[in-house]
PDB file of N, CA and C in Angstrom:
ATOM      1  N   MET A   1     -22.304 107.281  99.356  1.00  0.00           N
ATOM      2  CA  MET A   1     -23.377 106.373  99.762  1.00  0.00           C
ATOM      3  C   MET A   1     -23.702 105.446  98.602  1.00  0.00           C
ATOM      4  N   ILE A   2     -23.888 104.207  98.900  1.00  0.00           N
ATOM      5  CA  ILE A   2     -24.100 103.184  97.881  1.00  0.00           C
ATOM      6  C   ILE A   2     -25.384 103.405  97.076  1.00  0.00           C
ATOM      7  N   SER A   3     -26.428 103.923  97.697  1.00  0.00           N
ATOM      8  CA  SER A   3     -27.715 104.058  97.005  1.00  0.00           C
ATOM      9  C   SER A   3     -27.678 105.099  95.890  1.00  0.00           C
ATOM     10  N   LYS A   4     -26.744 106.048  95.931  1.00  0.00           N
ATOM     11  CA  LYS A   4     -26.657 107.045  94.860  1.00  0.00           C
ATOM     12  C   LYS A   4     -26.125 106.430  93.571  1.00  0.00           C
ATOM     13  N   LYS A   5     -25.178 105.495  93.694  1.00  0.00           N
ATOM     14  CA  LYS A   5     -24.597 104.862  92.516  1.00  0.00           C
ATOM     15  C   LYS A   5     -25.386 103.638  92.080  1.00  0.00           C
ATOM     16  N   PHE A   6     -26.051 103.010  93.021  1.00  0.00           N
ATOM     17  CA  PHE A   6     -26.704 101.737  92.756  1.00  0.00           C
ATOM     18  C   PHE A   6     -28.086 101.953  92.150  1.00  0.00           C
ATOM     19  N   TYR A   7     -28.425 101.148  91.171  1.00  0.00           N
ATOM     20  CA  TYR A   7     -29.777 101.156  90.636  1.00  0.00           C
ATOM     21  C   TYR A   7     -30.278  99.720  90.601  1.00  0.00           C
ATOM     22  N   TRP A   8     -31.554  99.563  90.791  1.00  0.00           N
ATOM     23  CA  TRP A   8     -32.162  98.239  90.915  1.00  0.00           C
ATOM     24  C   TRP A   8     -32.550  97.712  89.550  1.00  0.00           C
ATOM     25  N   LYS A   9     -31.831  96.697  89.070  1.00  0.00           N
ATOM     26  CA  LYS A   9     -32.164  96.062  87.795  1.00  0.00           C
ATOM     27  C   LYS A   9     -33.310  95.074  87.966  1.00  0.00           C
ATOM     28  N   LYS A  10     -33.358  94.450  89.135  1.00  0.00           N
ATOM     29  CA  LYS A  10     -34.348  93.412  89.409  1.00  0.00           C
ATOM     30  C   LYS A  10     -35.053  93.725  90.713  1.00  0.00           C
ATOM     31  N   LYS A  11     -36.180  93.060  90.956  1.00  0.00           N
ATOM     32  CA  LYS A  11     -36.921  93.300  92.195  1.00  0.00           C
ATOM     33  C   LYS A  11     -36.176  92.788  93.418  1.00  0.00           C
ATOM     34  N   ILE A  12     -35.508  91.651  93.282  1.00  0.00           N
ATOM     35  CA  ILE A  12     -34.677  91.140  94.371  1.00  0.00           C
ATOM     36  C   ILE A  12     -33.308  90.758  93.815  1.00  0.00           C
ATOM     37  N   ILE A  13     -32.298  90.912  94.657  1.00  0.00           N
ATOM     38  CA  ILE A  13     -30.949  90.549  94.228  1.00  0.00           C
ATOM     39  C   ILE A  13     -30.277  89.738  95.337  1.00  0.00           C
ATOM     40  N   PRO A  14     -29.264  88.933  94.962  1.00  0.00           N
ATOM     41  CA  PRO A  14     -28.573  88.138  95.978  1.00  0.00           C
ATOM     42  C   PRO A  14     -27.725  89.003  96.901  1.00  0.00           C
ATOM     43  N   CYS A  15     -27.675  88.557  98.121  1.00  0.00           N
ATOM     44  CA  CYS A  15     -26.904  89.225  99.156  1.00  0.00           C
ATOM     45  C   CYS A  15     -25.972  88.176  99.769  1.00  0.00           C
ATOM     46  N   ILE A  16     -24.688  88.321  99.536  1.00  0.00           N
ATOM     47  CA  ILE A  16     -23.707  87.405 100.105  1.00  0.00           C
ATOM     48  C   ILE A  16     -23.237  88.007 101.417  1.00  0.00           C
ATOM     49  N   VAL A  17     -23.248  87.190 102.467  1.00  0.00           N
ATOM     50  CA  VAL A  17     -22.939  87.684 103.804  1.00  0.00           C
ATOM     51  C   VAL A  17     -21.603  87.107 104.265  1.00  0.00           C
ATOM     52  N   GLN A  18     -20.755  88.000 104.751  1.00  0.00           N
ATOM     53  CA  GLN A  18     -19.409  87.624 105.161  1.00  0.00           C
ATOM     54  C   GLN A  18     -19.180  88.024 106.621  1.00  0.00           C
ATOM     55  N   TYR A  19     -18.554  87.106 107.367  1.00  0.00           N
ATOM     56  CA  TYR A  19     -18.229  87.364 108.770  1.00  0.00           C
ATOM     57  C   TYR A  19     -16.803  86.890 109.033  1.00  0.00           C
ATOM     58  N   ASN A  20     -15.982  87.751 109.588  1.00  0.00           N
ATOM     59  CA  ASN A  20     -14.573  87.435 109.862  1.00  0.00           C
ATOM     60  C   ASN A  20     -13.853  86.891 108.632  1.00  0.00           C
ATOM     61  N   GLY A  21     -14.138  87.460 107.467  1.00  0.00           N
ATOM     62  CA  GLY A  21     -13.457  87.081 106.236  1.00  0.00           C
ATOM     63  C   GLY A  21     -13.992  85.843 105.551  1.00  0.00           C
ATOM     64  N   LYS A  22     -15.029  85.215 106.100  1.00  0.00           N
ATOM     65  CA  LYS A  22     -15.596  84.001 105.507  1.00  0.00           C
ATOM     66  C   LYS A  22     -17.036  84.242 105.068  1.00  0.00           C
ATOM     67  N   VAL A  23     -17.390  83.690 103.914  1.00  0.00           N
ATOM     68  CA  VAL A  23     -18.778  83.744 103.464  1.00  0.00           C
ATOM     69  C   VAL A  23     -19.570  82.771 104.323  1.00  0.00           C
ATOM     70  N   ILE A  24     -20.636  83.268 104.956  1.00  0.00           N
ATOM     71  CA  ILE A  24     -21.408  82.403 105.849  1.00  0.00           C
ATOM     72  C   ILE A  24     -22.816  82.109 105.347  1.00  0.00           C
ATOM     73  N   MET A  25     -23.330  82.937 104.453  1.00  0.00           N
ATOM     74  CA  MET A  25     -24.663  82.669 103.915  1.00  0.00           C
ATOM     75  C   MET A  25     -24.941  83.521 102.688  1.00  0.00           C
ATOM     76  N   GLN A  26     -26.007  83.169 101.997  1.00  0.00           N
ATOM     77  CA  GLN A  26     -26.510  83.947 100.870  1.00  0.00           C
ATOM     78  C   GLN A  26     -28.014  84.022 101.032  1.00  0.00           C
ATOM     79  N   ALA A  27     -28.554  85.208 100.864  1.00  0.00           N
ATOM     80  CA  ALA A  27     -30.001  85.397 100.945  1.00  0.00           C
ATOM     81  C   ALA A  27     -30.388  86.430  99.886  1.00  0.00           C
ATOM     82  N   TRP A  28     -31.632  86.868  99.923  1.00  0.00           N
ATOM     83  CA  TRP A  28     -32.141  87.806  98.924  1.00  0.00           C
ATOM     84  C   TRP A  28     -32.568  89.097  99.595  1.00  0.00           C
ATOM     85  N   ILE A  29     -32.421  90.183  98.853  1.00  0.00           N
ATOM     86  CA  ILE A  29     -32.753  91.495  99.395  1.00  0.00           C
ATOM     87  C   ILE A  29     -33.456  92.311  98.310  1.00  0.00           C
ATOM     88  N   ASN A  30     -34.450  93.080  98.719  1.00  0.00           N
ATOM     89  CA  ASN A  30     -35.099  93.998  97.788  1.00  0.00           C
ATOM     90  C   ASN A  30     -34.829  95.435  98.244  1.00  0.00           C
ATOM     91  N   LYS A  31     -35.360  96.381  97.524  1.00  0.00           N
ATOM     92  CA  LYS A  31     -35.076  97.789  97.818  1.00  0.00           C
ATOM     93  C   LYS A  31     -35.538  98.171  99.223  1.00  0.00           C
ATOM     94  N   TYR A  32     -36.727  97.732  99.602  1.00  0.00           N
ATOM     95  CA  TYR A  32     -37.265  98.056 100.922  1.00  0.00           C
ATOM     96  C   TYR A  32     -36.380  97.461 102.025  1.00  0.00           C
ATOM     97  N   CYS A  33     -35.983  96.205 101.857  1.00  0.00           N
ATOM     98  CA  CYS A  33     -35.092  95.548 102.828  1.00  0.00           C
ATOM     99  C   CYS A  33     -33.760  96.281 102.920  1.00  0.00           C
ATOM    100  N   PHE A  34     -33.261  96.700 101.774  1.00  0.00           N
ATOM    101  CA  PHE A  34     -31.986  97.408 101.743  1.00  0.00           C
ATOM    102  C   PHE A  34     -32.057  98.688 102.572  1.00  0.00           C
ATOM    103  N   PHE A  35     -33.096  99.485 102.376  1.00  0.00           N
ATOM    104  CA  PHE A  35     -33.196 100.738 103.112  1.00  0.00           C
ATOM    105  C   PHE A  35     -33.450 100.509 104.598  1.00  0.00           C
ATOM    106  N   LYS A  36     -34.193  99.466 104.954  1.00  0.00           N
ATOM    107  CA  LYS A  36     -34.374  99.124 106.372  1.00  0.00           C
ATOM    108  C   LYS A  36     -33.045  98.676 106.980  1.00  0.00           C
ATOM    109  N   THR A  37     -32.266  97.928 106.211  1.00  0.00           N
ATOM    110  CA  THR A  37     -30.945  97.495 106.666  1.00  0.00           C
ATOM    111  C   THR A  37     -30.050  98.704 106.924  1.00  0.00           C
ATOM    112  N   ILE A  38     -30.041  99.656 106.001  1.00  0.00           N
ATOM    113  CA  ILE A  38     -29.232 100.871 106.153  1.00  0.00           C
ATOM    114  C   ILE A  38     -29.685 101.663 107.380  1.00  0.00           C
ATOM    115  N   PHE A  39     -30.983 101.792 107.559  1.00  0.00           N
ATOM    116  CA  PHE A  39     -31.524 102.598 108.654  1.00  0.00           C
ATOM    117  C   PHE A  39     -31.225 101.984 110.018  1.00  0.00           C
ATOM    118  N   TYR A  40     -31.430 100.666 110.148  1.00  0.00           N
ATOM    119  CA  TYR A  40     -31.285 100.002 111.445  1.00  0.00           C
ATOM    120  C   TYR A  40     -29.913  99.363 111.676  1.00  0.00           C
ATOM    121  N   ASP A  41     -29.098  99.228 110.633  1.00  0.00           N
ATOM    122  CA  ASP A  41     -27.804  98.529 110.707  1.00  0.00           C
ATOM    123  C   ASP A  41     -27.954  97.062 111.096  1.00  0.00           C
ATOM    124  N   ILE A  42     -29.126  96.499 110.894  1.00  0.00           N
ATOM    125  CA  ILE A  42     -29.386  95.075 111.103  1.00  0.00           C
ATOM    126  C   ILE A  42     -29.946  94.539 109.796  1.00  0.00           C
ATOM    127  N   LEU A  43     -29.416  93.390 109.355  1.00  0.00           N
ATOM    128  CA  LEU A  43     -29.819  92.869 108.050  1.00  0.00           C
ATOM    129  C   LEU A  43     -31.284  92.473 107.996  1.00  0.00           C
ATOM    130  N   HIS A  44     -31.946  92.957 106.951  1.00  0.00           N
ATOM    131  CA  HIS A  44     -33.329  92.612 106.623  1.00  0.00           C
ATOM    132  C   HIS A  44     -33.299  91.927 105.261  1.00  0.00           C
ATOM    133  N   TYR A  45     -33.908  90.760 105.169  1.00  0.00           N
ATOM    134  CA  TYR A  45     -33.907  89.990 103.929  1.00  0.00           C
ATOM    135  C   TYR A  45     -35.319  89.857 103.378  1.00  0.00           C
ATOM    136  N   TRP A  46     -35.389  89.421 102.122  1.00  0.00           N
ATOM    137  CA  TRP A  46     -36.661  89.093 101.493  1.00  0.00           C
ATOM    138  C   TRP A  46     -36.763  87.576 101.382  1.00  0.00           C
ATOM    139  N   SER A  47     -37.814  87.014 101.959  1.00  0.00           N
ATOM    140  CA  SER A  47     -38.053  85.574 101.856  1.00  0.00           C
ATOM    141  C   SER A  47     -38.832  85.301 100.579  1.00  0.00           C
ATOM    142  N   ARG A  48     -38.220  84.588  99.654  1.00  0.00           N
ATOM    143  CA  ARG A  48     -38.903  84.257  98.397  1.00  0.00           C
ATOM    144  C   ARG A  48     -40.012  83.246  98.623  1.00  0.00           C
ATOM    145  N   SER A  49     -39.843  82.340  99.562  1.00  0.00           N
ATOM    146  CA  SER A  49     -40.871  81.321  99.798  1.00  0.00           C
ATOM    147  C   SER A  49     -42.072  81.896 100.547  1.00  0.00           C
ATOM    148  N   ARG A  50     -41.818  82.735 101.547  1.00  0.00           N
ATOM    149  CA  ARG A  50     -42.918  83.324 102.330  1.00  0.00           C
ATOM    150  C   ARG A  50     -43.410  84.645 101.755  1.00  0.00           C
ATOM    151  N   LYS A  51     -42.635  85.192 100.819  1.00  0.00           N
ATOM    152  CA  LYS A  51     -42.964  86.470 100.171  1.00  0.00           C
ATOM    153  C   LYS A  51     -43.154  87.595 101.194  1.00  0.00           C
ATOM    154  N   LYS A  52     -42.188  87.693 102.093  1.00  0.00           N
ATOM    155  CA  LYS A  52     -42.220  88.771 103.084  1.00  0.00           C
ATOM    156  C   LYS A  52     -40.818  89.018 103.631  1.00  0.00           C
ATOM    157  N   ILE A  53     -40.684  90.150 104.304  1.00  0.00           N
ATOM    158  CA  ILE A  53     -39.421  90.527 104.936  1.00  0.00           C
ATOM    159  C   ILE A  53     -39.141  89.621 106.124  1.00  0.00           C
ATOM    160  N   TRP A  54     -37.869  89.306 106.314  1.00  0.00           N
ATOM    161  CA  TRP A  54     -37.479  88.652 107.561  1.00  0.00           C
ATOM    162  C   TRP A  54     -36.174  89.254 108.048  1.00  0.00           C
ATOM    163  N   ILE A  55     -36.084  89.376 109.344  1.00  0.00           N
ATOM    164  CA  ILE A  55     -34.893  89.920 109.987  1.00  0.00           C
ATOM    165  C   ILE A  55     -34.127  88.745 110.574  1.00  0.00           C
ATOM    166  N   LYS A  56     -32.905  88.571 110.127  1.00  0.00           N
ATOM    167  CA  LYS A  56     -32.080  87.500 110.671  1.00  0.00           C
ATOM    168  C   LYS A  56     -31.907  87.747 112.161  1.00  0.00           C
ATOM    169  N   GLY A  57     -32.348  86.797 112.977  1.00  0.00           N
ATOM    170  CA  GLY A  57     -32.234  86.927 114.422  1.00  0.00           C
ATOM    171  C   GLY A  57     -33.534  87.270 115.119  1.00  0.00           C
ATOM    172  N   SER A  58     -34.597  87.536 114.368  1.00  0.00           N
ATOM    173  CA  SER A  58     -35.852  87.940 115.008  1.00  0.00           C
ATOM    174  C   SER A  58     -36.445  86.839 115.890  1.00  0.00           C
ATOM    175  N   THR A  59     -36.154  85.579 115.591  1.00  0.00           N
ATOM    176  CA  THR A  59     -36.615  84.490 116.467  1.00  0.00           C
ATOM    177  C   THR A  59     -35.449  83.803 117.182  1.00  0.00           C
ATOM    178  N   SER A  60     -34.281  83.770 116.564  1.00  0.00           N
ATOM    179  CA  SER A  60     -33.122  83.066 117.141  1.00  0.00           C
ATOM    180  C   SER A  60     -32.225  83.978 117.979  1.00  0.00           C
ATOM    181  N   PHE A  61     -32.405  85.277 117.832  1.00  0.00           N
ATOM    182  CA  PHE A  61     -31.554  86.292 118.457  1.00  0.00           C
ATOM    183  C   PHE A  61     -30.131  86.287 117.893  1.00  0.00           C
ATOM    184  N   ASN A  62     -29.939  85.646 116.745  1.00  0.00           N
ATOM    185  CA  ASN A  62     -28.646  85.640 116.056  1.00  0.00           C
ATOM    186  C   ASN A  62     -28.629  86.758 115.012  1.00  0.00           C
ATOM    187  N   PHE A  63     -28.749  87.981 115.484  1.00  0.00           N
ATOM    188  CA  PHE A  63     -28.820  89.140 114.596  1.00  0.00           C
ATOM    189  C   PHE A  63     -27.526  89.328 113.824  1.00  0.00           C
ATOM    190  N   GLN A  64     -27.639  89.998 112.684  1.00  0.00           N
ATOM    191  CA  GLN A  64     -26.480  90.325 111.860  1.00  0.00           C
ATOM    192  C   GLN A  64     -26.372  91.841 111.767  1.00  0.00           C
ATOM    193  N   ILE A  65     -25.327  92.378 112.369  1.00  0.00           N
ATOM    194  CA  ILE A  65     -25.111  93.821 112.421  1.00  0.00           C
ATOM    195  C   ILE A  65     -24.170  94.211 111.286  1.00  0.00           C
ATOM    196  N   VAL A  66     -24.578  95.184 110.500  1.00  0.00           N
ATOM    197  CA  VAL A  66     -23.839  95.579 109.298  1.00  0.00           C
ATOM    198  C   VAL A  66     -22.561  96.327 109.661  1.00  0.00           C
ATOM    199  N   ARG A  67     -21.458  95.882 109.067  1.00  0.00           N
ATOM    200  CA  ARG A  67     -20.175  96.596 109.172  1.00  0.00           C
ATOM    201  C   ARG A  67     -19.948  97.431 107.919  1.00  0.00           C
ATOM    202  N   ASN A  68     -20.088  96.798 106.748  1.00  0.00           N
ATOM    203  CA  ASN A  68     -19.992  97.549 105.491  1.00  0.00           C
ATOM    204  C   ASN A  68     -20.676  96.777 104.374  1.00  0.00           C
ATOM    205  N   ILE A  69     -21.004  97.510 103.323  1.00  0.00           N
ATOM    206  CA  ILE A  69     -21.728  96.950 102.179  1.00  0.00           C
ATOM    207  C   ILE A  69     -20.955  97.273 100.908  1.00  0.00           C
ATOM    208  N   SER A  70     -20.768  96.249 100.074  1.00  0.00           N
ATOM    209  CA  SER A  70     -20.145  96.434  98.759  1.00  0.00           C
ATOM    210  C   SER A  70     -21.135  95.990  97.697  1.00  0.00           C
ATOM    211  N   ILE A  71     -21.031  96.599  96.546  1.00  0.00           N
ATOM    212  CA  ILE A  71     -21.874  96.230  95.407  1.00  0.00           C
ATOM    213  C   ILE A  71     -20.956  95.704  94.312  1.00  0.00           C
ATOM    214  N   ASP A  72     -21.383  94.679  93.611  1.00  0.00           N
ATOM    215  CA  ASP A  72     -20.519  94.140  92.556  1.00  0.00           C
ATOM    216  C   ASP A  72     -20.522  95.057  91.333  1.00  0.00           C
ATOM    217  N   CYS A  73     -19.622  94.774  90.398  1.00  0.00           N
ATOM    218  CA  CYS A  73     -19.411  95.659  89.246  1.00  0.00           C
ATOM    219  C   CYS A  73     -20.603  95.709  88.296  1.00  0.00           C
ATOM    220  N   ASP A  74     -21.482  94.715  88.337  1.00  0.00           N
ATOM    221  CA  ASP A  74     -22.671  94.707  87.473  1.00  0.00           C
ATOM    222  C   ASP A  74     -23.909  95.281  88.150  1.00  0.00           C
ATOM    223  N   ASN A  75     -23.764  95.774  89.372  1.00  0.00           N
ATOM    224  CA  ASN A  75     -24.898  96.312  90.130  1.00  0.00           C
ATOM    225  C   ASN A  75     -26.014  95.295  90.329  1.00  0.00           C
ATOM    226  N   ASP A  76     -25.643  94.033  90.552  1.00  0.00           N
ATOM    227  CA  ASP A  76     -26.719  93.056  90.746  1.00  0.00           C
ATOM    228  C   ASP A  76     -26.450  92.068  91.880  1.00  0.00           C
ATOM    229  N   ALA A  77     -25.581  92.450  92.818  1.00  0.00           N
ATOM    230  CA  ALA A  77     -25.355  91.636  94.011  1.00  0.00           C
ATOM    231  C   ALA A  77     -24.677  92.480  95.087  1.00  0.00           C
ATOM    232  N   PHE A  78     -25.009  92.177  96.326  1.00  0.00           N
ATOM    233  CA  PHE A  78     -24.370  92.822  97.466  1.00  0.00           C
ATOM    234  C   PHE A  78     -23.447  91.838  98.164  1.00  0.00           C
ATOM    235  N   LEU A  79     -22.355  92.351  98.693  1.00  0.00           N
ATOM    236  CA  LEU A  79     -21.516  91.627  99.641  1.00  0.00           C
ATOM    237  C   LEU A  79     -21.569  92.447 100.918  1.00  0.00           C
ATOM    238  N   ILE A  80     -22.102  91.853 101.968  1.00  0.00           N
ATOM    239  CA  ILE A  80     -22.278  92.589 103.219  1.00  0.00           C
ATOM    240  C   ILE A  80     -21.420  91.940 104.298  1.00  0.00           C
ATOM    241  N   ASN A  81     -20.533  92.743 104.850  1.00  0.00           N
ATOM    242  CA  ASN A  81     -19.676  92.302 105.939  1.00  0.00           C
ATOM    243  C   ASN A  81     -20.405  92.617 107.239  1.00  0.00           C
ATOM    244  N   ILE A  82     -20.504  91.619 108.111  1.00  0.00           N
ATOM    245  CA  ILE A  82     -21.332  91.777 109.309  1.00  0.00           C
ATOM    246  C   ILE A  82     -20.595  91.372 110.579  1.00  0.00           C
ATOM    247  N   LYS A  83     -21.206  91.715 111.696  1.00  0.00           N
ATOM    248  CA  LYS A  83     -20.878  91.120 112.990  1.00  0.00           C
ATOM    249  C   LYS A  83     -22.029  90.173 113.286  1.00  0.00           C
ATOM    250  N   GLN A  84     -21.711  88.899 113.458  1.00  0.00           N
ATOM    251  CA  GLN A  84     -22.728  87.880 113.711  1.00  0.00           C
ATOM    252  C   GLN A  84     -22.908  87.724 115.216  1.00  0.00           C
ATOM    253  N   VAL A  85     -24.072  88.110 115.721  1.00  0.00           N
ATOM    254  CA  VAL A  85     -24.374  87.967 117.144  1.00  0.00           C
ATOM    255  C   VAL A  85     -24.525  86.479 117.461  1.00  0.00           C
ATOM    256  N   ASN A  86     -23.983  86.041 118.559  1.00  0.00           N
ATOM    257  CA  ASN A  86     -24.015  84.647 119.041  1.00  0.00           C
ATOM    258  C   ASN A  86     -23.246  83.686 118.147  1.00  0.00           C
ATOM    259  N   ASN A  87     -22.527  84.190 117.164  1.00  0.00           N
ATOM    260  CA  ASN A  87     -21.661  83.362 116.311  1.00  0.00           C
ATOM    261  C   ASN A  87     -22.401  82.291 115.515  1.00  0.00           C
ATOM    262  N   MET A  88     -23.714  82.339 115.455  1.00  0.00           N
ATOM    263  CA  MET A  88     -24.490  81.346 114.705  1.00  0.00           C
ATOM    264  C   MET A  88     -25.301  82.049 113.632  1.00  0.00           C
ATOM    265  N   CYS A  89     -25.284  81.474 112.418  1.00  0.00           N
ATOM    266  CA  CYS A  89     -26.025  82.096 111.329  1.00  0.00           C
ATOM    267  C   CYS A  89     -27.055  81.145 110.734  1.00  0.00           C
ATOM    268  N   CYS A  90     -26.728  79.872 110.658  1.00  0.00           N
ATOM    269  CA  CYS A  90     -27.583  78.901 109.972  1.00  0.00           C
ATOM    270  C   CYS A  90     -28.751  78.460 110.863  1.00  0.00           C
ATOM    271  N   HIS A  91     -29.901  78.209 110.238  1.00  0.00           N
ATOM    272  CA  HIS A  91     -31.053  77.742 111.013  1.00  0.00           C
ATOM    273  C   HIS A  91     -30.866  76.311 111.523  1.00  0.00           C
ATOM    274  N   PHE A  92     -29.792  75.641 111.100  1.00  0.00           N
ATOM    275  CA  PHE A  92     -29.428  74.328 111.646  1.00  0.00           C
ATOM    276  C   PHE A  92     -28.419  74.474 112.794  1.00  0.00           C
ATOM    277  N   ILE A  93     -28.386  75.667 113.384  1.00  0.00           N
ATOM    278  CA  ILE A  93     -27.531  75.996 114.524  1.00  0.00           C
ATOM    279  C   ILE A  93     -26.056  75.737 114.201  1.00  0.00           C
ATOM    280  N   LYS A  94     -25.628  76.318 113.103  1.00  0.00           N
ATOM    281  CA  LYS A  94     -24.236  76.230 112.652  1.00  0.00           C
ATOM    282  C   LYS A  94     -23.707  77.651 112.455  1.00  0.00           C
ATOM    283  N   LYS A  95     -22.391  77.769 112.405  1.00  0.00           N
ATOM    284  CA  LYS A  95     -21.765  79.078 112.194  1.00  0.00           C
ATOM    285  C   LYS A  95     -21.918  79.571 110.767  1.00  0.00           C
ATOM    286  N   SER A  96     -22.138  78.643 109.839  1.00  0.00           N
ATOM    287  CA  SER A  96     -22.255  78.989 108.422  1.00  0.00           C
ATOM    288  C   SER A  96     -23.326  78.128 107.770  1.00  0.00           C
ATOM    289  N   CYS A  97     -23.926  78.651 106.730  1.00  0.00           N
ATOM    290  CA  CYS A  97     -24.870  77.854 105.933  1.00  0.00           C
ATOM    291  C   CYS A  97     -24.125  76.982 104.924  1.00  0.00           C
ATOM    292  N   PHE A  98     -22.832  77.223 104.763  1.00  0.00           N
ATOM    293  CA  PHE A  98     -22.005  76.448 103.836  1.00  0.00           C
ATOM    294  C   PHE A  98     -21.187  75.438 104.638  1.00  0.00           C
ATOM    295  N   ASN A  99     -21.791  74.281 104.917  1.00  0.00           N
ATOM    296  CA  ASN A  99     -21.151  73.274 105.756  1.00  0.00           C
ATOM    297  C   ASN A  99     -20.773  72.004 105.014  1.00  0.00           C
ATOM    298  N   GLU A 100     -21.410  71.738 103.911  1.00  0.00           N
ATOM    299  CA  GLU A 100     -21.104  70.535 103.133  1.00  0.00           C
ATOM    300  C   GLU A 100     -19.930  70.821 102.205  1.00  0.00           C
ATOM    301  N   ILE A 101     -18.911  69.994 102.267  1.00  0.00           N
ATOM    302  CA  ILE A 101     -17.731  70.168 101.419  1.00  0.00           C
ATOM    303  C   ILE A 101     -17.630  68.974 100.487  1.00  0.00           C
ATOM    304  N   TYR A 102     -17.605  69.266  99.209  1.00  0.00           N
ATOM    305  CA  TYR A 102     -17.468  68.223  98.195  1.00  0.00           C
ATOM    306  C   TYR A 102     -16.133  68.403  97.503  1.00  0.00           C
ATOM    307  N   LYS A 103     -15.339  67.345  97.496  1.00  0.00           N
ATOM    308  CA  LYS A 103     -14.047  67.392  96.817  1.00  0.00           C
ATOM    309  C   LYS A 103     -14.138  66.583  95.540  1.00  0.00           C
ATOM    310  N   LYS A 104     -13.574  67.141  94.508  1.00  0.00           N
ATOM    311  CA  LYS A 104     -13.518  66.433  93.238  1.00  0.00           C
ATOM    312  C   LYS A 104     -12.325  65.488  93.263  1.00  0.00           C
ATOM    313  N   ASN A 105     -12.569  64.227  92.966  1.00  0.00           N
ATOM    314  CA  ASN A 105     -11.476  63.254  92.914  1.00  0.00           C
ATOM    315  C   ASN A 105     -10.703  63.432  91.619  1.00  0.00           C
ATOM    316  N   ASN A 106      -9.398  63.523  91.734  1.00  0.00           N
ATOM    317  CA  ASN A 106      -8.552  63.693  90.540  1.00  0.00           C
ATOM    318  C   ASN A 106      -8.197  62.374  89.922  1.00  0.00           C
TER     319      ASN A 106
END
């Protein structure tokens, strides 16, 4: 179990979310959100702006169901592989929050 090896260095840590092999978003998670996520198998995040828990999909019904969780080697970030309900993750009604592509001109 990840919680036995993992220790919290900070109050909140980044959570990178992956669906079908692609990174679709990044959000923040705290210890309470992490344990709620483990218990319910639905991602719970910490909103830094609102200073409260939010469940992805609670208003949009675009829930994120946990498939597996990885922790990075420094114990300060999660990579969570999910099943994205309704195939939409971004609040701009997109499949990913990473939609802008910038290419460097050579």
